[in-house]
PDB file of all heavy atoms in Angstrom:
ATOM      1  N   CYS A   1       8.401   8.808 -10.393  1.00  0.00           N
ATOM      2  CA  CYS A   1       8.674   9.707  -9.263  1.00  0.00           C
ATOM      3  C   CYS A   1       9.802  10.675  -9.588  1.00  0.00           C
ATOM      4  O   CYS A   1       9.732  11.871  -9.277  1.00  0.00           O
ATOM      5  CB  CYS A   1       9.028   8.900  -8.016  1.00  0.00           C
ATOM      6  SG  CYS A   1       7.630   8.001  -7.297  1.00  0.00           S
ATOM      7  N   SER A   2      10.846  10.170 -10.234  1.00  0.00           N
ATOM      8  CA  SER A   2      12.000  11.002 -10.559  1.00  0.00           C
ATOM      9  C   SER A   2      11.678  11.989 -11.674  1.00  0.00           C
ATOM     10  O   SER A   2      11.944  13.187 -11.556  1.00  0.00           O
ATOM     11  CB  SER A   2      13.176  10.110 -10.969  1.00  0.00           C
ATOM     12  OG  SER A   2      14.268  10.888 -11.391  1.00  0.00           O
ATOM     13  N   ARG A   3      11.103  11.497 -12.769  1.00  0.00           N
ATOM     14  CA  ARG A   3      10.846  12.353 -13.928  1.00  0.00           C
ATOM     15  C   ARG A   3       9.891  13.486 -13.594  1.00  0.00           C
ATOM     16  O   ARG A   3      10.084  14.624 -14.036  1.00  0.00           O
ATOM     17  CB  ARG A   3      10.265  11.506 -15.071  1.00  0.00           C
ATOM     18  CG  ARG A   3       9.762  12.321 -16.272  1.00  0.00           C
ATOM     19  CD  ARG A   3      10.910  12.972 -17.017  1.00  0.00           C
ATOM     20  NE  ARG A   3      10.450  13.762 -18.146  1.00  0.00           N
ATOM     21  CZ  ARG A   3      10.401  15.092 -18.188  1.00  0.00           C
ATOM     22  NH1 ARG A   3      10.780  15.793 -17.131  1.00  0.00           N
ATOM     23  NH2 ARG A   3       9.987  15.730 -19.269  1.00  0.00           N
ATOM     24  N   LEU A   4       8.856  13.202 -12.799  1.00  0.00           N
ATOM     25  CA  LEU A   4       7.839  14.209 -12.520  1.00  0.00           C
ATOM     26  C   LEU A   4       8.083  14.953 -11.213  1.00  0.00           C
ATOM     27  O   LEU A   4       7.253  15.754 -10.792  1.00  0.00           O
ATOM     28  CB  LEU A   4       6.457  13.553 -12.508  1.00  0.00           C
ATOM     29  CG  LEU A   4       6.034  12.936 -13.848  1.00  0.00           C
ATOM     30  CD1 LEU A   4       4.667  12.294 -13.742  1.00  0.00           C
ATOM     31  CD2 LEU A   4       6.042  13.986 -14.950  1.00  0.00           C
ATOM     32  N   ALA A   5       9.233  14.692 -10.595  1.00  0.00           N
ATOM     33  CA  ALA A   5       9.612  15.406  -9.368  1.00  0.00           C
ATOM     34  C   ALA A   5       8.473  15.379  -8.341  1.00  0.00           C
ATOM     35  O   ALA A   5       8.119  16.409  -7.761  1.00  0.00           O
ATOM     36  CB  ALA A   5      10.015  16.847  -9.693  1.00  0.00           C
ATOM     37  N   LEU A   6       7.896  14.182  -8.124  1.00  0.00           N
ATOM     38  CA  LEU A   6       6.830  14.061  -7.138  1.00  0.00           C
ATOM     39  C   LEU A   6       7.362  14.396  -5.752  1.00  0.00           C
ATOM     40  O   LEU A   6       8.545  14.207  -5.456  1.00  0.00           O
ATOM     41  CB  LEU A   6       6.250  12.642  -7.143  1.00  0.00           C
ATOM     42  CG  LEU A   6       5.602  12.150  -8.444  1.00  0.00           C
ATOM     43  CD1 LEU A   6       4.903  10.821  -8.192  1.00  0.00           C
ATOM     44  CD2 LEU A   6       4.635  13.164  -9.022  1.00  0.00           C
ATOM     45  N   THR A   7       6.496  14.888  -4.890  1.00  0.00           N
ATOM     46  CA  THR A   7       6.906  15.195  -3.527  1.00  0.00           C
ATOM     47  C   THR A   7       7.234  13.904  -2.779  1.00  0.00           C
ATOM     48  O   THR A   7       6.887  12.805  -3.226  1.00  0.00           O
ATOM     49  CB  THR A   7       5.796  15.930  -2.779  1.00  0.00           C
ATOM     50  OG1 THR A   7       4.683  15.041  -2.606  1.00  0.00           O
ATOM     51  CG2 THR A   7       5.341  17.176  -3.546  1.00  0.00           C
ATOM     52  N   ARG A   8       7.867  14.053  -1.630  1.00  0.00           N
ATOM     53  CA  ARG A   8       8.242  12.867  -0.862  1.00  0.00           C
ATOM     54  C   ARG A   8       7.017  12.030  -0.492  1.00  0.00           C
ATOM     55  O   ARG A   8       7.021  10.801  -0.617  1.00  0.00           O
ATOM     56  CB  ARG A   8       8.990  13.282   0.402  1.00  0.00           C
ATOM     57  CG  ARG A   8       9.451  12.101   1.237  1.00  0.00           C
ATOM     58  CD  ARG A   8      10.343  12.536   2.363  1.00  0.00           C
ATOM     59  NE  ARG A   8      10.780  11.395   3.161  1.00  0.00           N
ATOM     60  CZ  ARG A   8      11.618  11.483   4.173  1.00  0.00           C
ATOM     61  NH1 ARG A   8      12.135  12.644   4.515  1.00  0.00           N
ATOM     62  NH2 ARG A   8      11.960  10.404   4.852  1.00  0.00           N
ATOM     63  N   GLY A   9       5.946  12.706  -0.036  1.00  0.00           N
ATOM     64  CA  GLY A   9       4.739  11.973   0.331  1.00  0.00           C
ATOM     65  C   GLY A   9       4.111  11.270  -0.858  1.00  0.00           C
ATOM     66  O   GLY A   9       3.620  10.141  -0.747  1.00  0.00           O
ATOM     67  N   GLN A  10       4.132  11.932  -2.013  1.00  0.00           N
ATOM     68  CA  GLN A  10       3.586  11.314  -3.221  1.00  0.00           C
ATOM     69  C   GLN A  10       4.423  10.118  -3.649  1.00  0.00           C
ATOM     70  O   GLN A  10       3.881   9.078  -4.032  1.00  0.00           O
ATOM     71  CB  GLN A  10       3.510  12.357  -4.337  1.00  0.00           C
ATOM     72  CG  GLN A  10       2.467  13.434  -4.082  1.00  0.00           C
ATOM     73  CD  GLN A  10       2.621  14.640  -4.998  1.00  0.00           C
ATOM     74  OE1 GLN A  10       3.551  14.712  -5.810  1.00  0.00           O
ATOM     75  NE2 GLN A  10       1.724  15.596  -4.878  1.00  0.00           N
ATOM     76  N   CYS A  11       5.744  10.264  -3.570  1.00  0.00           N
ATOM     77  CA  CYS A  11       6.631   9.149  -3.923  1.00  0.00           C
ATOM     78  C   CYS A  11       6.443   7.970  -2.974  1.00  0.00           C
ATOM     79  O   CYS A  11       6.477   6.813  -3.398  1.00  0.00           O
ATOM     80  CB  CYS A  11       8.083   9.604  -3.916  1.00  0.00           C
ATOM     81  SG  CYS A  11       8.554  10.570  -5.367  1.00  0.00           S
ATOM     82  N   ASP A  12       6.259   8.255  -1.684  1.00  0.00           N
ATOM     83  CA  ASP A  12       6.018   7.173  -0.722  1.00  0.00           C
ATOM     84  C   ASP A  12       4.751   6.405  -1.081  1.00  0.00           C
ATOM     85  O   ASP A  12       4.718   5.165  -1.039  1.00  0.00           O
ATOM     86  CB  ASP A  12       5.901   7.735   0.694  1.00  0.00           C
ATOM     87  CG  ASP A  12       7.237   8.203   1.257  1.00  0.00           C
ATOM     88  OD1 ASP A  12       8.280   7.836   0.683  1.00  0.00           O
ATOM     89  OD2 ASP A  12       7.225   8.939   2.259  1.00  0.00           O
ATOM     90  N   ALA A  13       3.701   7.145  -1.445  1.00  0.00           N
ATOM     91  CA  ALA A  13       2.429   6.497  -1.778  1.00  0.00           C
ATOM     92  C   ALA A  13       2.534   5.719  -3.084  1.00  0.00           C
ATOM     93  O   ALA A  13       2.121   4.551  -3.165  1.00  0.00           O
ATOM     94  CB  ALA A  13       1.319   7.547  -1.867  1.00  0.00           C
ATOM     95  N   VAL A  14       3.101   6.336  -4.111  1.00  0.00           N
ATOM     96  CA  VAL A  14       3.243   5.664  -5.410  1.00  0.00           C
ATOM     97  C   VAL A  14       4.236   4.509  -5.292  1.00  0.00           C
ATOM     98  O   VAL A  14       4.028   3.438  -5.878  1.00  0.00           O
ATOM     99  CB  VAL A  14       3.675   6.668  -6.493  1.00  0.00           C
ATOM    100  CG1 VAL A  14       4.014   5.955  -7.798  1.00  0.00           C
ATOM    101  CG2 VAL A  14       2.568   7.694  -6.727  1.00  0.00           C
ATOM    102  N   GLY A  15       5.305   4.706  -4.523  1.00  0.00           N
ATOM    103  CA  GLY A  15       6.305   3.657  -4.358  1.00  0.00           C
ATOM    104  C   GLY A  15       5.773   2.427  -3.645  1.00  0.00           C
ATOM    105  O   GLY A  15       6.344   1.335  -3.760  1.00  0.00           O
ATOM    106  N   ALA A  16       4.650   2.584  -2.920  1.00  0.00           N
ATOM    107  CA  ALA A  16       4.043   1.440  -2.217  1.00  0.00           C
ATOM    108  C   ALA A  16       3.206   0.571  -3.137  1.00  0.00           C
ATOM    109  O   ALA A  16       2.652  -0.446  -2.693  1.00  0.00           O
ATOM    110  CB  ALA A  16       3.179   1.952  -1.060  1.00  0.00           C
ATOM    111  N   LEU A  17       3.118   0.930  -4.426  1.00  0.00           N
ATOM    112  CA  LEU A  17       2.222   0.215  -5.338  1.00  0.00           C
ATOM    113  C   LEU A  17       2.458  -1.298  -5.402  1.00  0.00           C
ATOM    114  O   LEU A  17       1.486  -2.067  -5.355  1.00  0.00           O
ATOM    115  CB  LEU A  17       2.312   0.829  -6.737  1.00  0.00           C
ATOM    116  CG  LEU A  17       1.288   1.937  -7.021  1.00  0.00           C
ATOM    117  CD1 LEU A  17       1.610   2.660  -8.321  1.00  0.00           C
ATOM    118  CD2 LEU A  17      -0.108   1.346  -7.077  1.00  0.00           C
ATOM    119  N   PRO A  18       3.705  -1.789  -5.516  1.00  0.00           N
ATOM    120  CA  PRO A  18       3.874  -3.252  -5.572  1.00  0.00           C
ATOM    121  C   PRO A  18       3.313  -3.949  -4.334  1.00  0.00           C
ATOM    122  O   PRO A  18       2.624  -4.981  -4.450  1.00  0.00           O
ATOM    123  CB  PRO A  18       5.397  -3.418  -5.690  1.00  0.00           C
ATOM    124  CG  PRO A  18       5.868  -2.155  -6.342  1.00  0.00           C
ATOM    125  CD  PRO A  18       4.988  -1.088  -5.763  1.00  0.00           C
ATOM    126  N   VAL A  19       3.584  -3.389  -3.154  1.00  0.00           N
ATOM    127  CA  VAL A  19       3.043  -3.964  -1.912  1.00  0.00           C
ATOM    128  C   VAL A  19       1.529  -3.821  -1.882  1.00  0.00           C
ATOM    129  O   VAL A  19       0.792  -4.719  -1.463  1.00  0.00           O
ATOM    130  CB  VAL A  19       3.676  -3.277  -0.687  1.00  0.00           C
ATOM    131  CG1 VAL A  19       3.066  -3.809   0.612  1.00  0.00           C
ATOM    132  CG2 VAL A  19       5.188  -3.479  -0.686  1.00  0.00           C
ATOM    133  N   LEU A  20       1.050  -2.694  -2.360  1.00  0.00           N
ATOM    134  CA  LEU A  20      -0.389  -2.412  -2.351  1.00  0.00           C
ATOM    135  C   LEU A  20      -1.143  -3.393  -3.242  1.00  0.00           C
ATOM    136  O   LEU A  20      -2.222  -3.877  -2.872  1.00  0.00           O
ATOM    137  CB  LEU A  20      -0.610  -0.975  -2.822  1.00  0.00           C
ATOM    138  CG  LEU A  20      -1.953  -0.331  -2.505  1.00  0.00           C
ATOM    139  CD1 LEU A  20      -2.095  -0.139  -1.002  1.00  0.00           C
ATOM    140  CD2 LEU A  20      -2.075   1.014  -3.219  1.00  0.00           C
ATOM    141  N   ARG A  21      -0.586  -3.689  -4.398  1.00  0.00           N
ATOM    142  CA  ARG A  21      -1.262  -4.623  -5.305  1.00  0.00           C
ATOM    143  C   ARG A  21      -1.299  -6.026  -4.714  1.00  0.00           C
ATOM    144  O   ARG A  21      -2.280  -6.757  -4.881  1.00  0.00           O
ATOM    145  CB  ARG A  21      -0.584  -4.586  -6.674  1.00  0.00           C
ATOM    146  CG  ARG A  21      -0.871  -3.281  -7.427  1.00  0.00           C
ATOM    147  CD  ARG A  21      -0.404  -3.317  -8.868  1.00  0.00           C
ATOM    148  NE  ARG A  21       1.020  -3.191  -9.005  1.00  0.00           N
ATOM    149  CZ  ARG A  21       1.648  -2.205  -9.680  1.00  0.00           C
ATOM    150  NH1 ARG A  21       0.934  -1.252 -10.265  1.00  0.00           N
ATOM    151  NH2 ARG A  21       2.954  -2.178  -9.781  1.00  0.00           N
ATOM    152  N   ASN A  22      -0.233  -6.414  -4.010  1.00  0.00           N
ATOM    153  CA  ASN A  22      -0.255  -7.709  -3.303  1.00  0.00           C
ATOM    154  C   ASN A  22      -1.300  -7.691  -2.189  1.00  0.00           C
ATOM    155  O   ASN A  22      -1.993  -8.689  -1.954  1.00  0.00           O
ATOM    156  CB  ASN A  22       1.124  -8.024  -2.727  1.00  0.00           C
ATOM    157  CG  ASN A  22       2.097  -8.464  -3.794  1.00  0.00           C
ATOM    158  OD1 ASN A  22       1.706  -9.019  -4.821  1.00  0.00           O
ATOM    159  ND2 ASN A  22       3.387  -8.225  -3.571  1.00  0.00           N
ATOM    160  N   ALA A  23      -1.397  -6.556  -1.498  1.00  0.00           N
ATOM    161  CA  ALA A  23      -2.401  -6.432  -0.436  1.00  0.00           C
ATOM    162  C   ALA A  23      -3.805  -6.582  -0.997  1.00  0.00           C
ATOM    163  O   ALA A  23      -4.675  -7.212  -0.381  1.00  0.00           O
ATOM    164  CB  ALA A  23      -2.247  -5.087   0.271  1.00  0.00           C
ATOM    165  N   ALA A  24      -4.033  -6.025  -2.189  1.00  0.00           N
ATOM    166  CA  ALA A  24      -5.355  -6.136  -2.815  1.00  0.00           C
ATOM    167  C   ALA A  24      -5.717  -7.596  -3.060  1.00  0.00           C
ATOM    168  O   ALA A  24      -6.878  -8.001  -2.889  1.00  0.00           O
ATOM    169  CB  ALA A  24      -5.375  -5.349  -4.122  1.00  0.00           C
ATOM    170  N   LYS A  25      -4.722  -8.410  -3.435  1.00  0.00           N
ATOM    171  CA  LYS A  25      -4.978  -9.839  -3.660  1.00  0.00           C
ATOM    172  C   LYS A  25      -5.325 -10.544  -2.349  1.00  0.00           C
ATOM    173  O   LYS A  25      -6.235 -11.373  -2.298  1.00  0.00           O
ATOM    174  CB  LYS A  25      -3.748 -10.489  -4.295  1.00  0.00           C
ATOM    175  CG  LYS A  25      -3.445  -9.991  -5.708  1.00  0.00           C
ATOM    176  CD  LYS A  25      -2.155 -10.595  -6.235  1.00  0.00           C
ATOM    177  CE  LYS A  25      -1.806 -10.035  -7.602  1.00  0.00           C
ATOM    178  NZ  LYS A  25      -0.497 -10.544  -8.100  1.00  0.00           N
ATOM    179  N   LYS A  26      -4.595 -10.216  -1.268  1.00  0.00           N
ATOM    180  CA  LYS A  26      -4.865 -10.843   0.027  1.00  0.00           C
ATOM    181  C   LYS A  26      -6.264 -10.486   0.535  1.00  0.00           C
ATOM    182  O   LYS A  26      -6.965 -11.322   1.123  1.00  0.00           O
ATOM    183  CB  LYS A  26      -3.827 -10.404   1.056  1.00  0.00           C
ATOM    184  CG  LYS A  26      -2.424 -10.923   0.792  1.00  0.00           C
ATOM    185  CD  LYS A  26      -1.461 -10.413   1.867  1.00  0.00           C
ATOM    186  CE  LYS A  26      -0.029 -10.871   1.594  1.00  0.00           C
ATOM    187  NZ  LYS A  26       0.922 -10.343   2.601  1.00  0.00           N
ATOM    188  N   LEU A  27      -6.650  -9.230   0.297  1.00  0.00           N
ATOM    189  CA  LEU A  27      -7.926  -8.759   0.830  1.00  0.00           C
ATOM    190  C   LEU A  27      -9.109  -9.122  -0.060  1.00  0.00           C
ATOM    191  O   LEU A  27     -10.243  -8.749   0.233  1.00  0.00           O
ATOM    192  CB  LEU A  27      -7.885  -7.237   1.029  1.00  0.00           C
ATOM    193  CG  LEU A  27      -6.854  -6.728   2.026  1.00  0.00           C
ATOM    194  CD1 LEU A  27      -6.893  -5.209   2.110  1.00  0.00           C
ATOM    195  CD2 LEU A  27      -7.053  -7.338   3.407  1.00  0.00           C
ATOM    196  N   ALA A  28      -8.842  -9.841  -1.141  1.00  0.00           N
ATOM    197  CA  ALA A  28      -9.935 -10.270  -2.014  1.00  0.00           C
ATOM    198  C   ALA A  28     -10.827 -11.300  -1.328  1.00  0.00           C
ATOM    199  O   ALA A  28     -11.933 -11.579  -1.787  1.00  0.00           O
ATOM    200  CB  ALA A  28      -9.375 -10.830  -3.321  1.00  0.00           C
ATOM    201  N   ARG A  29     -10.325 -11.900  -0.242  1.00  0.00           N
ATOM    202  CA  ARG A  29     -11.150 -12.819   0.557  1.00  0.00           C
ATOM    203  C   ARG A  29     -11.423 -12.155   1.901  1.00  0.00           C
ATOM    204  O   ARG A  29     -10.699 -11.245   2.328  1.00  0.00           O
ATOM    205  CB  ARG A  29     -10.426 -14.141   0.780  1.00  0.00           C
ATOM    206  CG  ARG A  29      -9.112 -13.994   1.524  1.00  0.00           C
ATOM    207  CD  ARG A  29      -8.477 -15.325   1.859  1.00  0.00           C
ATOM    208  NE  ARG A  29      -7.194 -15.147   2.534  1.00  0.00           N
ATOM    209  CZ  ARG A  29      -7.056 -14.914   3.832  1.00  0.00           C
ATOM    210  NH1 ARG A  29      -8.135 -14.815   4.608  1.00  0.00           N
ATOM    211  NH2 ARG A  29      -5.856 -14.779   4.368  1.00  0.00           N
ATOM    212  N   ASP A  30     -12.465 -12.620   2.573  1.00  0.00           N
ATOM    213  CA  ASP A  30     -12.763 -12.070   3.899  1.00  0.00           C
ATOM    214  C   ASP A  30     -11.646 -12.444   4.865  1.00  0.00           C
ATOM    215  O   ASP A  30     -11.269 -13.617   4.985  1.00  0.00           O
ATOM    216  CB  ASP A  30     -14.100 -12.607   4.416  1.00  0.00           C
ATOM    217  CG  ASP A  30     -15.268 -11.812   3.881  1.00  0.00           C
ATOM    218  OD1 ASP A  30     -15.210 -10.574   3.931  1.00  0.00           O
ATOM    219  OD2 ASP A  30     -16.223 -12.433   3.389  1.00  0.00           O
ATOM    220  N   CYS A  31     -11.113 -11.450   5.539  1.00  0.00           N
ATOM    221  CA  CYS A  31     -10.017 -11.651   6.489  1.00  0.00           C
ATOM    222  C   CYS A  31     -10.472 -11.238   7.883  1.00  0.00           C
ATOM    223  O   CYS A  31     -11.399 -10.442   8.039  1.00  0.00           O
ATOM    224  CB  CYS A  31      -8.804 -10.802   6.094  1.00  0.00           C
ATOM    225  SG  CYS A  31      -8.128 -11.160   4.463  1.00  0.00           S
ATOM    226  N   ARG A  32      -9.782 -11.807   8.903  1.00  0.00           N
ATOM    227  CA  ARG A  32     -10.011 -11.310  10.248  1.00  0.00           C
ATOM    228  C   ARG A  32      -9.539  -9.857  10.313  1.00  0.00           C
ATOM    229  O   ARG A  32      -8.590  -9.479   9.613  1.00  0.00           O
ATOM    230  CB  ARG A  32      -9.246 -12.138  11.275  1.00  0.00           C
ATOM    231  CG  ARG A  32      -9.684 -13.585  11.372  1.00  0.00           C
ATOM    232  CD  ARG A  32      -9.096 -14.259  12.622  1.00  0.00           C
ATOM    233  NE  ARG A  32      -7.666 -13.995  12.769  1.00  0.00           N
ATOM    234  CZ  ARG A  32      -6.697 -14.696  12.176  1.00  0.00           C
ATOM    235  NH1 ARG A  32      -7.004 -15.721  11.378  1.00  0.00           N
ATOM    236  NH2 ARG A  32      -5.423 -14.405  12.374  1.00  0.00           N
ATOM    237  N   PRO A  33     -10.157  -9.032  11.137  1.00  0.00           N
ATOM    238  CA  PRO A  33      -9.716  -7.634  11.241  1.00  0.00           C
ATOM    239  C   PRO A  33      -8.230  -7.503  11.540  1.00  0.00           C
ATOM    240  O   PRO A  33      -7.560  -6.613  11.005  1.00  0.00           O
ATOM    241  CB  PRO A  33     -10.575  -7.087  12.380  1.00  0.00           C
ATOM    242  CG  PRO A  33     -11.830  -7.895  12.302  1.00  0.00           C
ATOM    243  CD  PRO A  33     -11.388  -9.279  11.915  1.00  0.00           C
ATOM    244  N   SER A  34      -7.697  -8.389  12.371  1.00  0.00           N
ATOM    245  CA  SER A  34      -6.269  -8.306  12.680  1.00  0.00           C
ATOM    246  C   SER A  34      -5.422  -8.610  11.442  1.00  0.00           C
ATOM    247  O   SER A  34      -4.328  -8.051  11.274  1.00  0.00           O
ATOM    248  CB  SER A  34      -5.903  -9.267  13.816  1.00  0.00           C
ATOM    249  OG  SER A  34      -6.191 -10.607  13.452  1.00  0.00           O
ATOM    250  N   GLU A  35      -5.914  -9.467  10.552  1.00  0.00           N
ATOM    251  CA  GLU A  35      -5.206  -9.737   9.304  1.00  0.00           C
ATOM    252  C   GLU A  35      -5.224  -8.510   8.391  1.00  0.00           C
ATOM    253  O   GLU A  35      -4.227  -8.197   7.718  1.00  0.00           O
ATOM    254  CB  GLU A  35      -5.839 -10.923   8.572  1.00  0.00           C
ATOM    255  CG  GLU A  35      -5.627 -12.274   9.214  1.00  0.00           C
ATOM    256  CD  GLU A  35      -6.281 -13.368   8.386  1.00  0.00           C
ATOM    257  OE1 GLU A  35      -7.523 -13.414   8.316  1.00  0.00           O
ATOM    258  OE2 GLU A  35      -5.527 -14.181   7.802  1.00  0.00           O
ATOM    259  N   VAL A  36      -6.364  -7.827   8.354  1.00  0.00           N
ATOM    260  CA  VAL A  36      -6.461  -6.609   7.549  1.00  0.00           C
ATOM    261  C   VAL A  36      -5.449  -5.583   8.025  1.00  0.00           C
ATOM    262  O   VAL A  36      -4.718  -4.987   7.230  1.00  0.00           O
ATOM    263  CB  VAL A  36      -7.891  -6.029   7.616  1.00  0.00           C
ATOM    264  CG1 VAL A  36      -7.963  -4.689   6.885  1.00  0.00           C
ATOM    265  CG2 VAL A  36      -8.901  -7.007   7.029  1.00  0.00           C
ATOM    266  N   VAL A  37      -5.398  -5.397   9.336  1.00  0.00           N
ATOM    267  CA  VAL A  37      -4.442  -4.436   9.902  1.00  0.00           C
ATOM    268  C   VAL A  37      -3.016  -4.877   9.618  1.00  0.00           C
ATOM    269  O   VAL A  37      -2.157  -4.060   9.241  1.00  0.00           O
ATOM    270  CB  VAL A  37      -4.678  -4.266  11.416  1.00  0.00           C
ATOM    271  CG1 VAL A  37      -3.548  -3.455  12.049  1.00  0.00           C
ATOM    272  CG2 VAL A  37      -6.024  -3.589  11.670  1.00  0.00           C
ATOM    273  N   GLY A  38      -2.722  -6.160   9.776  1.00  0.00           N
ATOM    274  CA  GLY A  38      -1.374  -6.644   9.496  1.00  0.00           C
ATOM    275  C   GLY A  38      -0.977  -6.456   8.041  1.00  0.00           C
ATOM    276  O   GLY A  38       0.191  -6.212   7.730  1.00  0.00           O
ATOM    277  N   THR A  39      -1.953  -6.542   7.142  1.00  0.00           N
ATOM    278  CA  THR A  39      -1.678  -6.383   5.716  1.00  0.00           C
ATOM    279  C   THR A  39      -1.453  -4.925   5.332  1.00  0.00           C
ATOM    280  O   THR A  39      -0.588  -4.610   4.503  1.00  0.00           O
ATOM    281  CB  THR A  39      -2.843  -6.965   4.891  1.00  0.00           C
ATOM    282  OG1 THR A  39      -2.984  -8.353   5.196  1.00  0.00           O
ATOM    283  CG2 THR A  39      -2.607  -6.793   3.396  1.00  0.00           C
ATOM    284  N   LEU A  40      -2.218  -4.016   5.924  1.00  0.00           N
ATOM    285  CA  LEU A  40      -2.202  -2.617   5.486  1.00  0.00           C
ATOM    286  C   LEU A  40      -1.397  -1.700   6.392  1.00  0.00           C
ATOM    287  O   LEU A  40      -1.020  -0.597   5.977  1.00  0.00           O
ATOM    288  CB  LEU A  40      -3.637  -2.086   5.395  1.00  0.00           C
ATOM    289  CG  LEU A  40      -4.543  -2.806   4.384  1.00  0.00           C
ATOM    290  CD1 LEU A  40      -5.954  -2.237   4.442  1.00  0.00           C
ATOM    291  CD2 LEU A  40      -3.974  -2.695   2.975  1.00  0.00           C
ATOM    292  N   SER A  41      -1.109  -2.136   7.602  1.00  0.00           N
ATOM    293  CA  SER A  41      -0.365  -1.284   8.528  1.00  0.00           C
ATOM    294  C   SER A  41       1.009  -0.961   7.961  1.00  0.00           C
ATOM    295  O   SER A  41       1.710  -1.812   7.423  1.00  0.00           O
ATOM    296  CB  SER A  41      -0.219  -1.986   9.880  1.00  0.00           C
ATOM    297  OG  SER A  41       0.443  -1.153  10.800  1.00  0.00           O
ATOM    298  N   GLY A  42       1.397   0.277   8.065  1.00  0.00           N
ATOM    299  CA  GLY A  42       2.695   0.711   7.548  1.00  0.00           C
ATOM    300  C   GLY A  42       2.626   1.298   6.147  1.00  0.00           C
ATOM    301  O   GLY A  42       3.556   1.969   5.708  1.00  0.00           O
ATOM    302  N   LEU A  43       1.529   1.044   5.417  1.00  0.00           N
ATOM    303  CA  LEU A  43       1.361   1.638   4.099  1.00  0.00           C
ATOM    304  C   LEU A  43       0.851   3.071   4.239  1.00  0.00           C
ATOM    305  O   LEU A  43       0.067   3.367   5.147  1.00  0.00           O
ATOM    306  CB  LEU A  43       0.363   0.824   3.271  1.00  0.00           C
ATOM    307  CG  LEU A  43       0.834  -0.548   2.787  1.00  0.00           C
ATOM    308  CD1 LEU A  43      -0.337  -1.309   2.169  1.00  0.00           C
ATOM    309  CD2 LEU A  43       1.955  -0.394   1.774  1.00  0.00           C
ATOM    310  N   PRO A  44       1.282   3.979   3.366  1.00  0.00           N
ATOM    311  CA  PRO A  44       0.749   5.349   3.425  1.00  0.00           C
ATOM    312  C   PRO A  44      -0.767   5.343   3.311  1.00  0.00           C
ATOM    313  O   PRO A  44      -1.341   4.593   2.512  1.00  0.00           O
ATOM    314  CB  PRO A  44       1.397   6.035   2.216  1.00  0.00           C
ATOM    315  CG  PRO A  44       2.637   5.236   1.938  1.00  0.00           C
ATOM    316  CD  PRO A  44       2.287   3.815   2.307  1.00  0.00           C
ATOM    317  N   LEU A  45      -1.413   6.153   4.117  1.00  0.00           N
ATOM    318  CA  LEU A  45      -2.868   6.160   4.146  1.00  0.00           C
ATOM    319  C   LEU A  45      -3.444   6.528   2.773  1.00  0.00           C
ATOM    320  O   LEU A  45      -4.489   6.010   2.374  1.00  0.00           O
ATOM    321  CB  LEU A  45      -3.360   7.139   5.206  1.00  0.00           C
ATOM    322  CG  LEU A  45      -4.804   6.961   5.675  1.00  0.00           C
ATOM    323  CD1 LEU A  45      -5.033   5.557   6.215  1.00  0.00           C
ATOM    324  CD2 LEU A  45      -5.148   8.004   6.728  1.00  0.00           C
TER     325      LEU A  45
END
């Protein structure tokens, strides 16, 4: 993010990668819709 001077929105999305990769593991099984929302809510779209 720093070296390539990414925009704030781009940095927010790229910076979410550690959380996103954990979310991918949680969603590897079928979840209740409320669990899906709880896992992904707050992450950049």
